[in-house]
Amino acid sequence: MKKRMNVKSYDEVIEQLLKDKAGVPSDMFGVDKGRISKFTEKDRLEDRD
């Protein structure tokens, strides 16, 4: 589906589908853009013992 829609991530696939099919406005996306960071490997393993 990523290739067919010509996007880089599944997040972009979901965003595009919501915009096109559900009519969700563009201003509903990217509210936290630049304020949050991706999970690191340390974050993923943090609570495992």
N, C-alpha and C. Protein backbone atom coordinates (compact mmCIF):
# COMPACT_ATOMS: atom_id res chain seq x y z
N MET A 1 0.82 -1.18 0.00
CA MET A 1 0.00 0.00 0.00
C MET A 1 0.87 1.26 0.00
N LYS A 2 2.01 1.20 0.71
CA LYS A 2 2.93 2.34 0.72
C LYS A 2 3.39 2.67 -0.69
N LYS A 3 3.77 1.64 -1.43
CA LYS A 3 4.24 1.85 -2.80
C LYS A 3 3.14 2.41 -3.68
N ARG A 4 1.95 1.84 -3.55
CA ARG A 4 0.84 2.27 -4.39
C ARG A 4 0.46 3.73 -4.12
N MET A 5 0.57 4.15 -2.86
CA MET A 5 0.21 5.52 -2.49
C MET A 5 1.41 6.46 -2.59
N ASN A 6 2.60 5.89 -2.87
CA ASN A 6 3.83 6.67 -3.02
C ASN A 6 4.16 7.48 -1.76
N VAL A 7 4.15 6.77 -0.61
CA VAL A 7 4.52 7.39 0.66
C VAL A 7 5.61 6.57 1.32
N LYS A 8 6.27 7.15 2.32
CA LYS A 8 7.43 6.51 2.94
C LYS A 8 7.09 5.65 4.16
N SER A 9 5.98 5.94 4.85
CA SER A 9 5.69 5.22 6.08
C SER A 9 4.21 4.85 6.17
N TYR A 10 3.91 3.92 7.05
CA TYR A 10 2.51 3.55 7.27
C TYR A 10 1.75 4.68 7.95
N ASP A 11 2.44 5.50 8.71
CA ASP A 11 1.80 6.69 9.29
C ASP A 11 1.26 7.59 8.18
N GLU A 12 2.05 7.75 7.13
CA GLU A 12 1.61 8.57 6.00
C GLU A 12 0.44 7.92 5.27
N VAL A 13 0.42 6.59 5.18
CA VAL A 13 -0.71 5.88 4.58
C VAL A 13 -1.97 6.18 5.36
N ILE A 14 -1.90 6.04 6.68
CA ILE A 14 -3.06 6.29 7.54
C ILE A 14 -3.52 7.73 7.42
N GLU A 15 -2.57 8.65 7.47
CA GLU A 15 -2.91 10.07 7.35
C GLU A 15 -3.61 10.36 6.03
N GLN A 16 -3.09 9.82 4.94
CA GLN A 16 -3.69 10.06 3.63
C GLN A 16 -5.08 9.46 3.54
N LEU A 17 -5.26 8.25 4.07
CA LEU A 17 -6.58 7.62 4.05
C LEU A 17 -7.59 8.43 4.86
N LEU A 18 -7.17 8.91 6.01
CA LEU A 18 -8.07 9.71 6.84
C LEU A 18 -8.47 11.01 6.14
N LYS A 19 -7.52 11.61 5.47
CA LYS A 19 -7.82 12.85 4.74
C LYS A 19 -8.78 12.59 3.58
N ASP A 20 -8.45 11.57 2.77
CA ASP A 20 -9.20 11.31 1.55
C ASP A 20 -10.56 10.66 1.80
N LYS A 21 -10.59 9.63 2.63
CA LYS A 21 -11.81 8.83 2.79
C LYS A 21 -12.71 9.32 3.92
N ALA A 22 -12.13 9.81 5.00
CA ALA A 22 -12.94 10.22 6.15
C ALA A 22 -13.15 11.72 6.22
N GLY A 23 -12.43 12.46 5.38
CA GLY A 23 -12.61 13.90 5.36
C GLY A 23 -12.03 14.62 6.56
N VAL A 24 -11.04 14.01 7.20
CA VAL A 24 -10.39 14.65 8.36
C VAL A 24 -9.53 15.80 7.84
N PRO A 25 -9.69 17.01 8.38
CA PRO A 25 -8.92 18.16 7.89
C PRO A 25 -7.42 18.04 8.16
N SER A 26 -6.62 18.62 7.28
CA SER A 26 -5.16 18.56 7.39
C SER A 26 -4.63 19.15 8.68
N ASP A 27 -5.33 20.15 9.22
CA ASP A 27 -4.82 20.79 10.45
C ASP A 27 -4.96 19.89 11.67
N MET A 28 -5.56 18.72 11.51
CA MET A 28 -5.66 17.76 12.62
C MET A 28 -4.38 16.93 12.74
N PHE A 29 -3.48 17.04 11.77
CA PHE A 29 -2.25 16.27 11.76
C PHE A 29 -1.06 17.16 12.05
N GLY A 30 -0.07 16.62 12.74
CA GLY A 30 1.18 17.34 12.95
C GLY A 30 1.17 18.33 14.09
N VAL A 31 0.22 18.19 15.01
CA VAL A 31 0.12 19.12 16.14
C VAL A 31 1.40 19.10 16.97
N ASP A 32 1.97 17.92 17.18
CA ASP A 32 3.18 17.78 18.00
C ASP A 32 4.45 17.69 17.17
N LYS A 33 4.36 17.93 15.88
CA LYS A 33 5.52 17.80 15.01
C LYS A 33 6.65 18.71 15.49
N GLY A 34 7.83 18.13 15.69
CA GLY A 34 8.97 18.90 16.17
C GLY A 34 9.07 18.96 17.68
N ARG A 35 8.01 18.58 18.39
CA ARG A 35 8.03 18.63 19.85
C ARG A 35 8.23 17.25 20.47
N ILE A 36 8.00 16.22 19.71
CA ILE A 36 8.21 14.87 20.23
C ILE A 36 9.27 14.18 19.39
N SER A 37 9.90 13.17 19.97
CA SER A 37 10.93 12.44 19.24
C SER A 37 10.54 10.98 19.12
N LYS A 38 11.18 10.29 18.20
CA LYS A 38 10.91 8.87 18.00
C LYS A 38 11.46 8.07 19.17
N PHE A 39 10.90 6.88 19.37
CA PHE A 39 11.40 5.99 20.40
C PHE A 39 12.81 5.53 20.04
N THR A 40 13.65 5.41 21.05
CA THR A 40 15.00 4.89 20.85
C THR A 40 15.04 3.43 21.29
N GLU A 41 16.11 2.75 20.97
CA GLU A 41 16.27 1.36 21.40
C GLU A 41 16.23 1.28 22.93
N LYS A 42 16.83 2.25 23.61
CA LYS A 42 16.82 2.29 25.07
C LYS A 42 15.39 2.39 25.61
N ASP A 43 14.56 3.20 24.97
CA ASP A 43 13.16 3.33 25.38
C ASP A 43 12.42 2.01 25.27
N ARG A 44 12.69 1.28 24.22
CA ARG A 44 11.99 0.02 23.98
C ARG A 44 12.36 -1.04 25.01
N LEU A 45 13.58 -1.01 25.49
CA LEU A 45 14.04 -2.05 26.41
C LEU A 45 14.01 -1.60 27.87
N GLU A 46 13.56 -0.40 28.13
CA GLU A 46 13.62 0.24 29.43
C GLU A 46 12.99 -0.56 30.57
N ASP A 47 11.79 -1.09 30.39
CA ASP A 47 11.07 -1.73 31.49
C ASP A 47 11.14 -3.25 31.48
N ARG A 48 12.07 -3.80 30.77
CA ARG A 48 12.20 -5.26 30.73
C ARG A 48 13.26 -5.72 31.72
N ASP A 49 12.91 -6.73 32.45
CA ASP A 49 13.86 -7.31 33.42
C ASP A 49 14.12 -8.76 33.14
